[in-house]
Amino acid sequence: MTNHAFLSKVPLHSLLMESPGTTYHRIASPTFRHRAVMGLFEDVDSVKPREKLNVLFRLETPTTETPYLLIQSAVSPSDEALMNISGLQCKEIELKAPTSGTPVAFRIAVNAIRRTTITIDPHKRRTLVKPVELDGTDSPNPTISEWIAAKLEPALTELSVTNHLREVITDPRTKKKPRTMTVQVDTIDGVARVADPVSLEKILSDGIGREKAYGCGLLTIRPLR
């Protein structure tokens, strides 16, 4: 059965206007992005509303227009949001993978972090968090191209990264919140070949990896033939 979803586009400046007193630097706040996106939808009776609505999003910064958030969801934004938020656009889409062997261009935003658990003593463990190394780095570990290729298998194979942008976003410190949340978002463009359409449709629908609530996980593709 083919999955359907809603794809929305909302300018960042419109979201800022919805939050009086919010300064432009707050765009780099993971909490602001999450709340701004979820505020577009009706409230749901769930302790995990993002998962319930299957919301995925990422920041887009094209050179020909203002920055915006691209949002994929199981339901449309609320009627109130569609009527009142300037520039908010929404359309229903079909999440159908091309046939096996089709070459595609892709873009994905992911939390490219390597986590390693070490044992400090018999009763205590610690998780070490380190960014996945950039291509060209002299490292014994897989660099970003190898890492994302492994994450997208078996859906996509013969993968080649054409562009990679790493952004680290952090909530501003306040007296009430001296400890802040920090999220690394890696936006990766590339080309690949469809190998497993069923696996690809699952990633297109559900996203991939951690920190989906803060702008990671959304994959989009475009057939090249």
Protein backbone atom coordinates (compact mmCIF):
# COMPACT_ATOMS: atom_id res chain seq x y z
CA MET A 1 0.00 0.00 0.00
CA THR A 2 1.34 3.42 -0.94
CA ASN A 3 1.90 5.86 1.91
CA HIS A 4 0.60 9.39 1.76
CA ALA A 5 1.83 12.37 3.73
CA PHE A 6 1.60 16.15 3.82
CA LEU A 7 4.57 18.27 2.82
CA SER A 8 4.60 21.82 4.18
CA LYS A 9 6.89 24.77 3.68
CA VAL A 10 6.99 27.70 6.09
CA PRO A 11 9.35 30.71 6.01
CA LEU A 12 11.45 31.15 9.13
CA HIS A 13 10.55 34.82 9.41
CA SER A 14 6.88 33.87 9.64
CA LEU A 15 7.61 31.56 12.57
CA LEU A 16 9.54 34.33 14.29
CA MET A 17 6.53 36.62 13.93
CA GLU A 18 4.45 33.99 15.75
CA SER A 19 6.80 34.26 18.77
CA PRO A 20 6.84 37.90 19.94
CA GLY A 21 10.13 38.87 21.53
CA THR A 22 12.03 36.08 19.79
CA THR A 23 15.27 37.34 18.30
CA TYR A 24 16.71 36.06 15.05
CA HIS A 25 19.49 34.09 16.73
CA ARG A 26 16.83 31.87 18.31
CA ILE A 27 16.47 30.20 14.91
CA ALA A 28 19.61 28.32 15.93
CA SER A 29 17.78 26.96 18.98
CA PRO A 30 16.64 23.32 18.71
CA THR A 31 13.84 23.96 21.19
CA PHE A 32 12.55 26.94 19.19
CA ARG A 33 12.53 24.91 15.97
CA HIS A 34 10.71 22.02 17.62
CA ARG A 35 8.05 24.18 19.25
CA ALA A 36 7.57 26.29 16.12
CA VAL A 37 6.95 23.19 14.01
CA MET A 38 4.67 21.42 16.47
CA GLY A 39 2.73 24.64 16.96
CA LEU A 40 1.50 24.32 13.38
CA PHE A 41 -0.60 21.26 14.26
CA GLU A 42 -3.68 20.61 16.34
CA ASP A 43 -3.02 19.29 19.84
CA VAL A 44 -3.10 15.51 20.11
CA ASP A 45 -3.71 13.29 23.12
CA SER A 46 -0.27 11.74 23.30
CA VAL A 47 2.87 11.96 25.42
CA LYS A 48 4.82 11.86 22.14
CA PRO A 49 2.89 14.12 19.75
CA ARG A 50 5.69 14.30 17.15
CA GLU A 51 5.72 10.53 16.83
CA LYS A 52 1.92 10.38 16.83
CA LEU A 53 1.75 12.83 13.91
CA ASN A 54 4.90 11.40 12.28
CA VAL A 55 6.40 14.87 11.94
CA LEU A 56 9.81 15.24 10.30
CA PHE A 57 11.42 18.50 9.27
CA ARG A 58 14.63 20.16 8.19
CA LEU A 59 15.95 23.63 7.56
CA GLU A 60 16.38 24.72 3.94
CA THR A 61 18.58 27.72 3.07
CA PRO A 62 18.33 28.22 -0.71
CA THR A 63 20.24 31.08 -2.30
CA THR A 64 17.22 32.26 -4.30
CA GLU A 65 14.68 32.65 -1.47
CA THR A 66 14.40 33.16 2.27
CA PRO A 67 15.22 30.27 4.63
CA TYR A 68 12.31 27.97 5.42
CA LEU A 69 11.44 24.77 7.22
CA LEU A 70 10.38 21.79 5.10
CA ILE A 71 7.96 19.68 7.12
CA GLN A 72 6.56 16.22 6.40
CA SER A 73 3.67 14.93 8.50
CA ALA A 74 0.87 12.39 8.60
CA VAL A 75 -1.71 15.17 8.93
CA SER A 76 -2.03 18.67 7.56
CA PRO A 77 -1.20 21.72 9.70
CA SER A 78 -4.22 23.16 11.47
CA ASP A 79 -6.72 25.33 9.62
CA GLU A 80 -5.73 28.19 11.94
CA ALA A 81 -2.07 27.88 10.94
CA LEU A 82 -2.89 27.63 7.24
CA MET A 83 -5.03 30.76 7.41
CA ASN A 84 -2.86 32.92 9.66
CA ILE A 85 0.81 32.09 9.10
CA SER A 86 2.20 34.04 6.17
CA GLY A 87 3.75 31.93 3.43
CA LEU A 88 2.75 28.55 4.88
CA GLN A 89 2.13 26.15 2.00
CA CYS A 90 0.96 22.54 2.23
CA LYS A 91 0.29 19.77 -0.26
CA GLU A 92 -0.48 16.07 -0.05
CA ILE A 93 2.23 13.80 -1.47
CA GLU A 94 2.70 10.13 -2.25
CA LEU A 95 5.66 8.47 -0.55
CA LYS A 96 6.37 5.97 -3.29
CA ALA A 97 9.88 4.74 -4.01
CA PRO A 98 11.13 4.41 -7.58
CA THR A 99 11.76 0.93 -8.90
CA SER A 100 14.96 -0.92 -8.09
CA GLY A 101 17.89 0.30 -10.15
CA THR A 102 16.63 3.87 -10.53
CA PRO A 103 19.33 6.52 -9.96
CA VAL A 104 18.22 9.28 -7.58
CA ALA A 105 19.45 12.52 -6.10
CA PHE A 106 18.80 12.78 -2.37
CA ARG A 107 18.96 15.18 0.53
CA ILE A 108 18.86 14.14 4.15
CA ALA A 109 19.35 15.88 7.49
CA VAL A 110 20.82 13.54 10.10
CA ASN A 111 22.42 13.59 13.52
CA ALA A 112 25.82 12.23 12.45
CA ILE A 113 27.07 11.31 15.89
CA ARG A 114 29.05 8.24 16.92
CA ARG A 115 28.19 6.86 20.36
CA THR A 116 30.50 4.50 22.20
CA THR A 117 29.74 2.94 25.58
CA ILE A 118 32.70 2.31 27.86
CA THR A 119 32.82 0.49 31.19
CA ILE A 120 34.29 2.61 33.97
CA ASP A 121 33.88 -0.05 36.65
CA PRO A 122 31.70 -3.16 37.06
CA HIS A 123 28.76 -1.00 38.14
CA LYS A 124 29.13 2.06 35.95
CA ARG A 125 29.12 2.74 32.22
CA ARG A 126 29.59 5.93 30.27
CA THR A 127 28.53 6.88 26.74
CA LEU A 128 31.05 8.88 24.74
CA VAL A 129 29.60 11.10 22.01
CA LYS A 130 31.71 12.21 19.05
CA PRO A 131 30.82 13.68 15.63
CA VAL A 132 31.31 11.40 12.65
CA GLU A 133 34.55 12.43 10.99
CA LEU A 134 34.47 14.53 7.82
CA ASP A 135 35.58 13.10 4.48
CA GLY A 136 39.31 13.53 3.99
CA THR A 137 40.01 13.11 7.69
CA ASP A 138 42.71 10.64 8.64
CA SER A 139 40.58 8.42 10.84
CA PRO A 140 40.29 4.69 11.56
CA ASN A 141 36.51 5.14 11.66
CA PRO A 142 34.18 5.51 8.67
CA THR A 143 33.92 9.15 7.56
CA ILE A 144 30.66 10.87 6.66
CA SER A 145 30.26 9.35 3.16
CA GLU A 146 30.80 5.80 4.39
CA TRP A 147 28.68 6.41 7.47
CA ILE A 148 25.62 7.71 5.61
CA ALA A 149 25.97 5.00 2.97
CA ALA A 150 25.75 2.37 5.71
CA LYS A 151 22.75 4.11 7.29
CA LEU A 152 20.81 4.14 4.01
CA GLU A 153 21.53 0.55 3.03
CA PRO A 154 19.81 -1.58 1.79
CA ALA A 155 17.41 1.10 0.51
CA LEU A 156 20.07 2.95 -1.48
CA THR A 157 23.41 1.74 -2.81
CA GLU A 158 26.25 3.12 -4.98
CA LEU A 159 25.99 6.27 -2.90
CA SER A 160 28.15 9.33 -3.49
CA VAL A 161 28.03 12.50 -1.37
CA THR A 162 28.08 15.73 -3.40
CA ASN A 163 27.66 18.27 -0.58
CA HIS A 164 27.73 18.24 3.21
CA LEU A 165 26.89 21.00 5.68
CA ARG A 166 27.31 20.56 9.43
CA GLU A 167 25.40 22.85 11.79
CA VAL A 168 25.52 22.78 15.59
CA ILE A 169 22.48 24.43 17.14
CA THR A 170 22.21 25.34 20.82
CA ASP A 171 19.54 26.78 23.07
CA PRO A 172 20.52 30.15 24.55
CA ARG A 173 21.57 30.09 28.18
CA THR A 174 19.39 31.83 30.73
CA LYS A 175 19.49 32.16 34.51
CA LYS A 176 16.69 29.63 34.71
CA LYS A 177 18.37 27.30 32.19
CA PRO A 178 22.14 27.42 32.70
CA ARG A 179 22.45 24.04 30.98
CA THR A 180 21.45 24.08 27.35
CA MET A 181 20.50 21.57 24.69
CA THR A 182 22.87 21.18 21.74
CA VAL A 183 22.07 19.24 18.56
CA GLN A 184 24.31 18.56 15.59
CA VAL A 185 22.51 18.56 12.23
CA ASP A 186 24.30 17.28 9.13
CA THR A 187 22.58 18.10 5.83
CA ILE A 188 23.87 15.80 3.12
CA ASP A 189 23.24 15.91 -0.63
CA GLY A 190 24.19 13.06 -2.90
CA VAL A 191 23.33 10.59 -5.61
CA ALA A 192 22.61 6.90 -5.25
CA ARG A 193 20.76 3.99 -6.80
CA VAL A 194 17.55 2.46 -5.46
CA ALA A 195 18.21 -1.11 -4.36
CA ASP A 196 15.29 -1.93 -2.05
CA PRO A 197 12.11 0.10 -2.69
CA VAL A 198 10.33 -1.30 0.39
CA SER A 199 13.15 -0.24 2.71
CA LEU A 200 13.33 3.13 0.97
CA GLU A 201 9.63 3.80 1.46
CA LYS A 202 9.99 3.07 5.18
CA ILE A 203 12.80 5.63 5.48
CA LEU A 204 10.84 8.17 3.42
CA SER A 205 7.87 7.70 5.74
CA ASP A 206 9.49 7.33 9.15
CA GLY A 207 12.82 9.10 8.77
CA ILE A 208 16.11 7.78 10.10
CA GLY A 209 18.34 8.22 13.12
CA ARG A 210 18.14 10.30 16.28
CA GLU A 211 16.98 13.84 17.12
CA LYS A 212 13.97 13.80 14.80
CA ALA A 213 12.23 16.26 17.10
CA TYR A 214 14.91 18.84 16.35
CA GLY A 215 15.25 18.76 12.57
CA CYS A 216 16.98 15.46 11.80
CA GLY A 217 15.80 12.37 9.95
CA LEU A 218 13.95 13.69 6.88
CA LEU A 219 14.99 12.12 3.56
CA THR A 220 13.77 13.40 0.19
CA ILE A 221 14.66 11.98 -3.22
CA ARG A 222 14.37 12.92 -6.88
CA PRO A 223 14.65 10.32 -9.69
CA LEU A 224 17.33 11.17 -12.22
CA ARG A 225 15.59 9.52 -15.13
